[in-house]
C-alpha atoms as a PDB file:
ATOM      1  CA  MET A   1      16.074  23.318 -16.145  1.00  0.00           C
ATOM      2  CA  ALA A   2      15.350  20.134 -18.099  1.00  0.00           C
ATOM      3  CA  ASP A   3      12.393  17.816 -17.546  1.00  0.00           C
ATOM      4  CA  ASP A   4      12.262  15.243 -14.762  1.00  0.00           C
ATOM      5  CA  LEU A   5      13.610  11.773 -15.461  1.00  0.00           C
ATOM      6  CA  VAL A   6      11.909   8.599 -14.199  1.00  0.00           C
ATOM      7  CA  LEU A   7      14.430   6.242 -12.564  1.00  0.00           C
ATOM      8  CA  PRO A   8      13.285   2.600 -12.398  1.00  0.00           C
ATOM      9  CA  CYS A   9      14.535   0.647  -9.395  1.00  0.00           C
ATOM     10  CA  GLU A  10      14.038  -2.402  -7.222  1.00  0.00           C
ATOM     11  CA  LEU A  11      14.097  -2.637  -3.444  1.00  0.00           C
ATOM     12  CA  GLN A  12      14.516  -6.097  -1.909  1.00  0.00           C
ATOM     13  CA  LEU A  13      14.534  -7.296   1.681  1.00  0.00           C
ATOM     14  CA  VAL A  14      17.660  -9.385   2.309  1.00  0.00           C
ATOM     15  CA  ASN A  15      17.229  -9.969   6.067  1.00  0.00           C
ATOM     16  CA  ALA A  16      14.290  -9.026   8.338  1.00  0.00           C
ATOM     17  CA  SER A  17      15.845  -9.931  11.703  1.00  0.00           C
ATOM     18  CA  ASP A  18      18.481  -7.182  11.342  1.00  0.00           C
ATOM     19  CA  PRO A  19      16.768  -5.257   8.543  1.00  0.00           C
ATOM     20  CA  LEU A  20      18.997  -5.355   5.472  1.00  0.00           C
ATOM     21  CA  PHE A  21      17.876  -4.223   2.025  1.00  0.00           C
ATOM     22  CA  ARG A  22      19.286  -4.232  -1.503  1.00  0.00           C
ATOM     23  CA  PHE A  23      18.491  -1.220  -3.699  1.00  0.00           C
ATOM     24  CA  THR A  24      19.118  -1.326  -7.455  1.00  0.00           C
ATOM     25  CA  LEU A  25      18.746   1.864  -9.487  1.00  0.00           C
ATOM     26  CA  HIS A  26      18.738   1.621 -13.288  1.00  0.00           C
ATOM     27  CA  ASN A  27      19.911   4.186 -15.823  1.00  0.00           C
ATOM     28  CA  PRO A  28      16.971   4.313 -18.246  1.00  0.00           C
ATOM     29  CA  LEU A  29      19.089   6.088 -20.866  1.00  0.00           C
ATOM     30  CA  ALA A  30      20.318   3.639 -23.498  1.00  0.00           C
ATOM     31  CA  ASP A  31      22.704   6.056 -25.179  1.00  0.00           C
ATOM     32  CA  GLU A  32      24.315   8.147 -22.438  1.00  0.00           C
ATOM     33  CA  PRO A  33      25.609   7.834 -18.890  1.00  0.00           C
ATOM     34  CA  LEU A  34      23.691   9.231 -15.960  1.00  0.00           C
ATOM     35  CA  CYS A  35      25.341  10.892 -12.961  1.00  0.00           C
ATOM     36  CA  ILE A  36      23.608  10.721  -9.587  1.00  0.00           C
ATOM     37  CA  LEU A  37      24.216  12.790  -6.467  1.00  0.00           C
ATOM     38  CA  PRO A  38      23.621  10.257  -3.661  1.00  0.00           C
ATOM     39  CA  TRP A  39      23.369  12.795  -0.832  1.00  0.00           C
ATOM     40  CA  TYR A  40      20.451  12.157   1.564  1.00  0.00           C
ATOM     41  CA  SER A  41      19.289   9.176  -0.467  1.00  0.00           C
ATOM     42  CA  VAL A  42      19.217   5.420  -0.177  1.00  0.00           C
ATOM     43  CA  LEU A  43      22.530   5.394  -2.093  1.00  0.00           C
ATOM     44  CA  GLU A  44      24.514   7.243   0.572  1.00  0.00           C
ATOM     45  CA  LYS A  45      26.261   4.858   2.940  1.00  0.00           C
ATOM     46  CA  GLY A  46      25.355   5.486   6.571  1.00  0.00           C
ATOM     47  CA  MET A  47      22.806   8.196   5.793  1.00  0.00           C
ATOM     48  CA  GLU A  48      20.135   6.246   3.934  1.00  0.00           C
ATOM     49  CA  GLN A  49      16.893   8.162   4.213  1.00  0.00           C
ATOM     50  CA  LEU A  50      13.692   6.284   3.543  1.00  0.00           C
ATOM     51  CA  ARG A  51       9.988   6.443   4.029  1.00  0.00           C
ATOM     52  CA  VAL A  52       9.436   3.875   6.791  1.00  0.00           C
ATOM     53  CA  THR A  53       5.775   3.468   7.738  1.00  0.00           C
ATOM     54  CA  ASP A  54       4.122   1.446  10.497  1.00  0.00           C
ATOM     55  CA  VAL A  55       1.636  -0.604   8.444  1.00  0.00           C
ATOM     56  CA  LYS A  56      -0.963  -0.905  11.238  1.00  0.00           C
ATOM     57  CA  SER A  57      -1.073   2.761  12.330  1.00  0.00           C
ATOM     58  CA  GLY A  58      -0.051   4.366   9.027  1.00  0.00           C
ATOM     59  CA  GLU A  59       2.452   6.520  10.937  1.00  0.00           C
ATOM     60  CA  GLN A  60       5.580   7.480   9.004  1.00  0.00           C
ATOM     61  CA  LEU A  61       8.652   7.122  11.218  1.00  0.00           C
ATOM     62  CA  ARG A  62      11.235   9.892  11.442  1.00  0.00           C
ATOM     63  CA  TYR A  63      14.848   9.341  10.450  1.00  0.00           C
ATOM     64  CA  ARG A  64      17.068   9.393  13.572  1.00  0.00           C
ATOM     65  CA  GLY A  65      20.464   9.054  11.912  1.00  0.00           C
ATOM     66  CA  ARG A  66      23.138  11.627  11.354  1.00  0.00           C
ATOM     67  CA  MET A  67      22.685  14.667   9.174  1.00  0.00           C
ATOM     68  CA  ALA A  68      25.307  16.794   7.500  1.00  0.00           C
ATOM     69  CA  LYS A  69      25.515  20.427   6.521  1.00  0.00           C
ATOM     70  CA  ARG A  70      27.608  20.536   3.386  1.00  0.00           C
ATOM     71  CA  ALA A  71      29.298  22.811   0.940  1.00  0.00           C
ATOM     72  CA  PRO A  72      28.071  22.500  -2.663  1.00  0.00           C
ATOM     73  CA  PRO A  73      28.936  19.134  -4.251  1.00  0.00           C
ATOM     74  CA  THR A  74      32.056  18.601  -6.319  1.00  0.00           C
ATOM     75  CA  THR A  75      32.427  16.086  -9.155  1.00  0.00           C
ATOM     76  CA  ALA A  76      33.905  13.635  -6.620  1.00  0.00           C
ATOM     77  CA  HIS A  77      30.508  13.363  -4.898  1.00  0.00           C
ATOM     78  CA  TRP A  78      28.625  12.124  -7.981  1.00  0.00           C
ATOM     79  CA  ILE A  79      28.183   8.490  -9.102  1.00  0.00           C
ATOM     80  CA  GLU A  80      28.296   7.770 -12.855  1.00  0.00           C
ATOM     81  CA  VAL A  81      26.063   4.950 -14.144  1.00  0.00           C
ATOM     82  CA  ALA A  82      26.781   3.559 -17.624  1.00  0.00           C
ATOM     83  CA  PRO A  83      24.100   3.726 -20.363  1.00  0.00           C
ATOM     84  CA  GLY A  84      21.504   1.037 -19.555  1.00  0.00           C
ATOM     85  CA  GLY A  85      23.524   0.108 -16.442  1.00  0.00           C
ATOM     86  CA  ALA A  86      22.641   0.020 -12.770  1.00  0.00           C
ATOM     87  CA  VAL A  87      24.050   0.865  -9.366  1.00  0.00           C
ATOM     88  CA  VAL A  88      23.431  -1.522  -6.436  1.00  0.00           C
ATOM     89  CA  HIS A  89      23.660  -0.606  -2.760  1.00  0.00           C
ATOM     90  CA  GLU A  90      22.913  -2.722   0.320  1.00  0.00           C
ATOM     91  CA  PHE A  91      21.925  -0.951   3.516  1.00  0.00           C
ATOM     92  CA  GLY A  92      20.364  -1.613   6.887  1.00  0.00           C
ATOM     93  CA  LEU A  93      18.125   0.206   9.330  1.00  0.00           C
ATOM     94  CA  THR A  94      20.833   0.069  11.987  1.00  0.00           C
ATOM     95  CA  VAL A  95      24.317   1.525  12.395  1.00  0.00           C
ATOM     96  CA  GLY A  96      26.883  -0.942  13.679  1.00  0.00           C
ATOM     97  CA  GLY A  97      24.135  -3.526  14.064  1.00  0.00           C
ATOM     98  CA  HIS A  98      22.587  -1.894  17.123  1.00  0.00           C
ATOM     99  CA  ILE A  99      21.705   1.806  16.686  1.00  0.00           C
ATOM    100  CA  LEU A 100      18.331   2.043  14.966  1.00  0.00           C
ATOM    101  CA  LEU A 101      17.946   4.778  12.336  1.00  0.00           C
ATOM    102  CA  TYR A 102      14.159   4.521  12.744  1.00  0.00           C
ATOM    103  CA  ALA A 103      12.112   3.667  15.861  1.00  0.00           C
ATOM    104  CA  ILE A 104      11.092   0.199  14.677  1.00  0.00           C
ATOM    105  CA  GLU A 105       9.914  -2.450  17.146  1.00  0.00           C
ATOM    106  CA  GLN A 106      10.239  -6.244  17.141  1.00  0.00           C
ATOM    107  CA  GLY A 107       7.202  -8.043  15.708  1.00  0.00           C
ATOM    108  CA  LYS A 108       5.689  -4.977  14.027  1.00  0.00           C
ATOM    109  CA  GLU A 109       5.069  -4.734  10.293  1.00  0.00           C
ATOM    110  CA  TYR A 110       6.649  -1.882   8.328  1.00  0.00           C
ATOM    111  CA  SER A 111       6.596  -0.600   4.779  1.00  0.00           C
ATOM    112  CA  VAL A 112       9.902   0.741   3.416  1.00  0.00           C
ATOM    113  CA  LEU A 113      10.287   2.917   0.340  1.00  0.00           C
ATOM    114  CA  PRO A 114      13.174   5.125  -0.837  1.00  0.00           C
ATOM    115  CA  GLU A 115      12.731   8.886  -0.892  1.00  0.00           C
ATOM    116  CA  GLU A 116      11.044   9.964  -4.113  1.00  0.00           C
ATOM    117  CA  SER A 117      13.772  11.901  -5.897  1.00  0.00           C
ATOM    118  CA  LEU A 118      17.470  12.316  -6.584  1.00  0.00           C
ATOM    119  CA  ARG A 119      19.524  15.008  -8.264  1.00  0.00           C
ATOM    120  CA  VAL A 120      20.790  13.670 -11.564  1.00  0.00           C
ATOM    121  CA  HIS A 121      22.816  14.884 -14.529  1.00  0.00           C
ATOM    122  CA  ARG A 122      22.360  13.474 -18.034  1.00  0.00           C
ATOM    123  CA  GLY A 123      25.729  12.731 -19.553  1.00  0.00           C
ATOM    124  CA  PRO A 124      29.224  11.841 -18.358  1.00  0.00           C
ATOM    125  CA  LEU A 125      30.817  12.861 -15.093  1.00  0.00           C
ATOM    126  CA  SER A 126      33.063  15.244 -17.037  1.00  0.00           C
ATOM    127  CA  GLY A 127      29.945  17.379 -17.691  1.00  0.00           C
ATOM    128  CA  VAL A 128      29.297  17.872 -13.982  1.00  0.00           C
ATOM    129  CA  LYS A 129      31.213  20.843 -12.610  1.00  0.00           C
ATOM    130  CA  ASP A 130      31.954  21.887  -9.045  1.00  0.00           C
ATOM    131  CA  ASP A 131      29.159  23.988  -7.528  1.00  0.00           C
ATOM    132  CA  ASN A 132      26.790  22.711 -10.247  1.00  0.00           C
ATOM    133  CA  ASP A 133      28.079  25.203 -12.831  1.00  0.00           C
ATOM    134  CA  GLY A 134      28.209  22.569 -15.586  1.00  0.00           C
ATOM    135  CA  GLU A 135      25.315  21.099 -17.507  1.00  0.00           C
ATOM    136  CA  PRO A 136      21.944  21.568 -15.769  1.00  0.00           C
ATOM    137  CA  CYS A 137      20.823  19.003 -13.229  1.00  0.00           C
ATOM    138  CA  VAL A 138      17.362  17.478 -13.320  1.00  0.00           C
ATOM    139  CA  THR A 139      15.226  15.751 -10.738  1.00  0.00           C
ATOM    140  CA  GLY A 140      15.271  11.983 -11.028  1.00  0.00           C
ATOM    141  CA  THR A 141      11.987  10.559  -9.792  1.00  0.00           C
ATOM    142  CA  ILE A 142      12.439   7.131  -8.238  1.00  0.00           C
ATOM    143  CA  GLN A 143       9.898   4.560  -9.405  1.00  0.00           C
ATOM    144  CA  CYS A 144       9.947   1.714  -6.905  1.00  0.00           C
ATOM    145  CA  GLU A 145       7.553  -0.640  -5.120  1.00  0.00           C
ATOM    146  CA  PRO A 146       7.610  -0.604  -1.302  1.00  0.00           C
ATOM    147  CA  VAL A 147       8.874  -3.583   0.696  1.00  0.00           C
ATOM    148  CA  VAL A 148       6.705  -4.737   3.605  1.00  0.00           C
ATOM    149  CA  PHE A 149       8.372  -6.741   6.374  1.00  0.00           C
ATOM    150  CA  THR A 150       7.941  -7.716  10.002  1.00  0.00           C
ATOM    151  CA  TYR A 151      10.931  -6.643  12.076  1.00  0.00           C
ATOM    152  CA  GLY A 152      12.588  -9.636  13.679  1.00  0.00           C
ATOM    153  CA  GLU A 153      11.376 -12.320  11.237  1.00  0.00           C
ATOM    154  CA  GLU A 154      14.040 -14.886  10.422  1.00  0.00           C
ATOM    155  CA  GLU A 155      13.336 -15.236   6.704  1.00  0.00           C
ATOM    156  CA  ALA A 156      13.469 -12.436   4.156  1.00  0.00           C
ATOM    157  CA  SER A 157      10.537 -11.800   1.846  1.00  0.00           C
ATOM    158  CA  LYS A 158      11.307 -12.398  -1.800  1.00  0.00           C
END
């Protein structure tokens, strides 16, 4: 298996009253596309898994959203990011605006950070085969600063 790949990204708070975030992940490769498997990551709609920590107690909160048992990924599950390009995904800490994915409480301060790694493939989507029989996958290590916010605040931190 090839070496790990560092994936630069940004995480921004868009709205603290109904926690909404914007995650931007950059392809650091200037000369080739990068394919990302978004499963169980901040890039998967409705199943965003994060490291959410209560700043005061230091307790990391458990994810309470849905989980899925899956067959091996097919090429349709991967996202291709152009050389030097980026993928942007907005997500919240609620489902339907009312079901909390983490046990956060009004007025408390939390630190939010994406999970540390993703499965990635260097090269075009055509090189990714069903059941991962194509080119070898590597671990993409996410390099991102945490966002600290107080749940229920009206204004988003910049």
